[in-house]
Amino acid sequence: MTATPKRLLRALDARDGHLCAAHGTFCSAEKLVPQHRGNRGMGGRPSAMSTENLVWLCSSLNGEIESDPSAADGARHWGWKISSFADPAQVPVLICGVWYLLVGDIRQPLRDDEAVELRALYGMEASA
């Protein structure tokens, strides 16, 4: 597996702080790992190495998402896991209770109606 480049981890910190997207400050900073929203695949897909494709999650939640189908369904509901065919800059993601689009190194907050529309478009409203 290819490690996430340090430049992307620094950009992720600059964009989101070193906070778990799910639990915010309730997670220990030492236990955070970069969650790749779209799978990297064997050896790491170069297109998956972007800040739009990353959020911080605590390692325990990350492990659950990767091993438990119901946790993976929840992660898709919140935008922490997306189809590898989807453009992560177009799929909304919940970070600390707020819906965003991740565009480059910027989080663009979504209005409620925008979040509802985009989540319906990507089939995110049906679970969790």
C-alpha atoms as a PDB file:
ATOM      1  CA  MET A   1       0.000   0.000   0.000  1.00  0.00           C
ATOM      2  CA  THR A   2       1.248   3.468  -0.858  1.00  0.00           C
ATOM      3  CA  ALA A   3       1.517   5.913   2.042  1.00  0.00           C
ATOM      4  CA  THR A   4      -0.277   9.246   1.843  1.00  0.00           C
ATOM      5  CA  PRO A   5       2.306  11.899   0.910  1.00  0.00           C
ATOM      6  CA  LYS A   6       3.271  14.242   3.751  1.00  0.00           C
ATOM      7  CA  ARG A   7       2.403  17.293   1.621  1.00  0.00           C
ATOM      8  CA  LEU A   8      -1.214  16.047   1.448  1.00  0.00           C
ATOM      9  CA  LEU A   9      -1.319  15.424   5.192  1.00  0.00           C
ATOM     10  CA  ARG A  10      -0.078  18.983   5.799  1.00  0.00           C
ATOM     11  CA  ALA A  11      -2.724  20.328   3.390  1.00  0.00           C
ATOM     12  CA  LEU A  12      -5.387  18.234   5.156  1.00  0.00           C
ATOM     13  CA  ASP A  13      -4.320  19.683   8.512  1.00  0.00           C
ATOM     14  CA  ALA A  14      -4.400  23.202   7.084  1.00  0.00           C
ATOM     15  CA  ARG A  15      -7.902  22.660   5.676  1.00  0.00           C
ATOM     16  CA  ASP A  16      -9.560  20.736   8.539  1.00  0.00           C
ATOM     17  CA  GLY A  17      -7.282  21.151  11.505  1.00  0.00           C
ATOM     18  CA  HIS A  18      -6.170  17.864  13.022  1.00  0.00           C
ATOM     19  CA  LEU A  19      -9.749  16.871  13.918  1.00  0.00           C
ATOM     20  CA  CYS A  20     -11.802  13.747  13.329  1.00  0.00           C
ATOM     21  CA  ALA A  21     -14.572  14.470  10.786  1.00  0.00           C
ATOM     22  CA  ALA A  22     -16.951  12.311  12.837  1.00  0.00           C
ATOM     23  CA  HIS A  23     -16.084  13.180  16.434  1.00  0.00           C
ATOM     24  CA  GLY A  24     -14.212  16.497  16.271  1.00  0.00           C
ATOM     25  CA  THR A  25     -12.193  17.200  19.393  1.00  0.00           C
ATOM     26  CA  PHE A  26     -13.431  14.042  21.152  1.00  0.00           C
ATOM     27  CA  CYS A  27     -10.781  11.975  19.339  1.00  0.00           C
ATOM     28  CA  SER A  28      -7.167  11.971  20.350  1.00  0.00           C
ATOM     29  CA  ALA A  29      -5.021  13.667  17.687  1.00  0.00           C
ATOM     30  CA  GLU A  30      -2.519  10.803  17.951  1.00  0.00           C
ATOM     31  CA  LYS A  31      -5.177   8.315  16.835  1.00  0.00           C
ATOM     32  CA  LEU A  32      -6.220  10.133  13.651  1.00  0.00           C
ATOM     33  CA  VAL A  33      -5.606   8.604  10.239  1.00  0.00           C
ATOM     34  CA  PRO A  34      -6.325   9.938   6.762  1.00  0.00           C
ATOM     35  CA  GLN A  35      -9.524   8.377   5.426  1.00  0.00           C
ATOM     36  CA  HIS A  36      -9.471   8.059   1.653  1.00  0.00           C
ATOM     37  CA  ARG A  37     -13.054   8.739   0.638  1.00  0.00           C
ATOM     38  CA  GLY A  38     -12.640   6.933  -2.682  1.00  0.00           C
ATOM     39  CA  ASN A  39     -10.641   3.719  -2.556  1.00  0.00           C
ATOM     40  CA  ARG A  40      -7.034   3.924  -3.667  1.00  0.00           C
ATOM     41  CA  GLY A  41      -6.930   0.376  -4.998  1.00  0.00           C
ATOM     42  CA  MET A  42      -3.938  -1.939  -5.021  1.00  0.00           C
ATOM     43  CA  GLY A  43      -0.736   0.085  -4.941  1.00  0.00           C
ATOM     44  CA  GLY A  44      -2.545   3.404  -4.731  1.00  0.00           C
ATOM     45  CA  ARG A  45      -4.401   5.163  -7.543  1.00  0.00           C
ATOM     46  CA  PRO A  46      -2.650   8.485  -8.275  1.00  0.00           C
ATOM     47  CA  SER A  47      -6.007  10.233  -8.781  1.00  0.00           C
ATOM     48  CA  ALA A  48      -7.000   9.220  -5.228  1.00  0.00           C
ATOM     49  CA  MET A  49      -4.093  11.225  -3.818  1.00  0.00           C
ATOM     50  CA  SER A  50      -5.832  14.593  -3.486  1.00  0.00           C
ATOM     51  CA  THR A  51      -7.048  16.652  -0.561  1.00  0.00           C
ATOM     52  CA  GLU A  52     -10.636  16.390  -1.858  1.00  0.00           C
ATOM     53  CA  ASN A  53     -10.375  12.651  -1.325  1.00  0.00           C
ATOM     54  CA  LEU A  54      -9.173  12.895   2.299  1.00  0.00           C
ATOM     55  CA  VAL A  55     -10.684  13.519   5.717  1.00  0.00           C
ATOM     56  CA  TRP A  56      -9.296  12.762   9.179  1.00  0.00           C
ATOM     57  CA  LEU A  57     -11.002   9.956  11.079  1.00  0.00           C
ATOM     58  CA  CYS A  58     -10.047   8.217  14.295  1.00  0.00           C
ATOM     59  CA  SER A  59      -8.305   4.932  13.599  1.00  0.00           C
ATOM     60  CA  SER A  60     -11.026   2.885  15.315  1.00  0.00           C
ATOM     61  CA  LEU A  61     -13.778   4.312  13.081  1.00  0.00           C
ATOM     62  CA  ASN A  62     -11.543   3.965  10.018  1.00  0.00           C
ATOM     63  CA  GLY A  63     -11.037   0.290  10.866  1.00  0.00           C
ATOM     64  CA  GLU A  64     -14.774  -0.265  11.332  1.00  0.00           C
ATOM     65  CA  ILE A  65     -15.534   1.356   7.974  1.00  0.00           C
ATOM     66  CA  GLU A  66     -13.059  -0.936   6.245  1.00  0.00           C
ATOM     67  CA  SER A  67     -14.202  -4.142   7.999  1.00  0.00           C
ATOM     68  CA  ASP A  68     -17.914  -3.796   8.809  1.00  0.00           C
ATOM     69  CA  PRO A  69     -20.490  -3.436   6.001  1.00  0.00           C
ATOM     70  CA  SER A  70     -22.947  -1.497   8.173  1.00  0.00           C
ATOM     71  CA  ALA A  71     -20.216   0.960   9.212  1.00  0.00           C
ATOM     72  CA  ALA A  72     -19.256   1.319   5.536  1.00  0.00           C
ATOM     73  CA  ASP A  73     -22.906   2.107   4.717  1.00  0.00           C
ATOM     74  CA  GLY A  74     -22.880   4.802   7.389  1.00  0.00           C
ATOM     75  CA  ALA A  75     -19.637   6.213   6.003  1.00  0.00           C
ATOM     76  CA  ARG A  76     -21.221   6.461   2.536  1.00  0.00           C
ATOM     77  CA  HIS A  77     -24.211   8.239   4.106  1.00  0.00           C
ATOM     78  CA  TRP A  78     -21.898  10.899   5.571  1.00  0.00           C
ATOM     79  CA  GLY A  79     -19.613  11.174   2.521  1.00  0.00           C
ATOM     80  CA  TRP A  80     -16.576   9.694   4.274  1.00  0.00           C
ATOM     81  CA  LYS A  81     -16.655   6.838   1.756  1.00  0.00           C
ATOM     82  CA  ILE A  82     -17.564   7.360  -1.907  1.00  0.00           C
ATOM     83  CA  SER A  83     -17.459   5.422  -5.147  1.00  0.00           C
ATOM     84  CA  SER A  84     -14.001   5.295  -6.668  1.00  0.00           C
ATOM     85  CA  PHE A  85     -15.674   6.519  -9.869  1.00  0.00           C
ATOM     86  CA  ALA A  86     -17.099   9.658  -8.216  1.00  0.00           C
ATOM     87  CA  ASP A  87     -15.325  12.994  -8.247  1.00  0.00           C
ATOM     88  CA  PRO A  88     -14.644  13.728  -4.553  1.00  0.00           C
ATOM     89  CA  ALA A  89     -14.899  17.467  -5.249  1.00  0.00           C
ATOM     90  CA  GLN A  90     -18.565  16.953  -6.205  1.00  0.00           C
ATOM     91  CA  VAL A  91     -19.710  14.634  -3.390  1.00  0.00           C
ATOM     92  CA  PRO A  92     -20.718  16.343  -0.125  1.00  0.00           C
ATOM     93  CA  VAL A  93     -19.043  15.296   3.105  1.00  0.00           C
ATOM     94  CA  LEU A  94     -20.038  15.829   6.735  1.00  0.00           C
ATOM     95  CA  ILE A  95     -17.205  17.271   8.830  1.00  0.00           C
ATOM     96  CA  CYS A  96     -17.933  17.991  12.483  1.00  0.00           C
ATOM     97  CA  GLY A  97     -21.666  18.284  11.812  1.00  0.00           C
ATOM     98  CA  VAL A  98     -21.500  20.587   8.766  1.00  0.00           C
ATOM     99  CA  TRP A  99     -21.926  19.566   5.121  1.00  0.00           C
ATOM    100  CA  TYR A 100     -19.172  20.681   2.761  1.00  0.00           C
ATOM    101  CA  LEU A 101     -17.836  20.298  -0.716  1.00  0.00           C
ATOM    102  CA  LEU A 102     -14.076  19.857  -0.685  1.00  0.00           C
ATOM    103  CA  VAL A 103     -12.526  21.858  -3.505  1.00  0.00           C
ATOM    104  CA  GLY A 104      -8.761  21.750  -3.547  1.00  0.00           C
ATOM    105  CA  ASP A 105      -7.599  22.849  -0.126  1.00  0.00           C
ATOM    106  CA  ILE A 106     -10.870  24.646   0.671  1.00  0.00           C
ATOM    107  CA  ARG A 107     -14.025  23.499   2.440  1.00  0.00           C
ATOM    108  CA  GLN A 108     -17.094  25.124   0.924  1.00  0.00           C
ATOM    109  CA  PRO A 109     -20.022  24.930   3.350  1.00  0.00           C
ATOM    110  CA  LEU A 110     -23.313  23.876   1.808  1.00  0.00           C
ATOM    111  CA  ARG A 111     -26.729  25.326   2.535  1.00  0.00           C
ATOM    112  CA  ASP A 112     -29.220  22.727   3.764  1.00  0.00           C
ATOM    113  CA  ASP A 113     -31.063  22.658   0.425  1.00  0.00           C
ATOM    114  CA  GLU A 114     -27.787  22.203  -1.485  1.00  0.00           C
ATOM    115  CA  ALA A 115     -26.723  19.349   0.791  1.00  0.00           C
ATOM    116  CA  VAL A 116     -30.110  17.621   0.403  1.00  0.00           C
ATOM    117  CA  GLU A 117     -29.977  17.925  -3.395  1.00  0.00           C
ATOM    118  CA  LEU A 118     -26.409  16.647  -3.720  1.00  0.00           C
ATOM    119  CA  ARG A 119     -26.920  13.829  -1.238  1.00  0.00           C
ATOM    120  CA  ALA A 120     -29.979  12.684  -3.200  1.00  0.00           C
ATOM    121  CA  LEU A 121     -28.000  12.857  -6.434  1.00  0.00           C
ATOM    122  CA  TYR A 122     -25.303  10.574  -4.990  1.00  0.00           C
ATOM    123  CA  GLY A 123     -27.745   8.246  -3.183  1.00  0.00           C
ATOM    124  CA  MET A 124     -26.559   9.274   0.268  1.00  0.00           C
ATOM    125  CA  GLU A 125     -29.918   9.881   1.938  1.00  0.00           C
ATOM    126  CA  ALA A 126     -31.081   6.277   2.136  1.00  0.00           C
ATOM    127  CA  SER A 127     -28.948   4.846   4.972  1.00  0.00           C
ATOM    128  CA  ALA A 128     -27.573   5.478   8.456  1.00  0.00           C
END
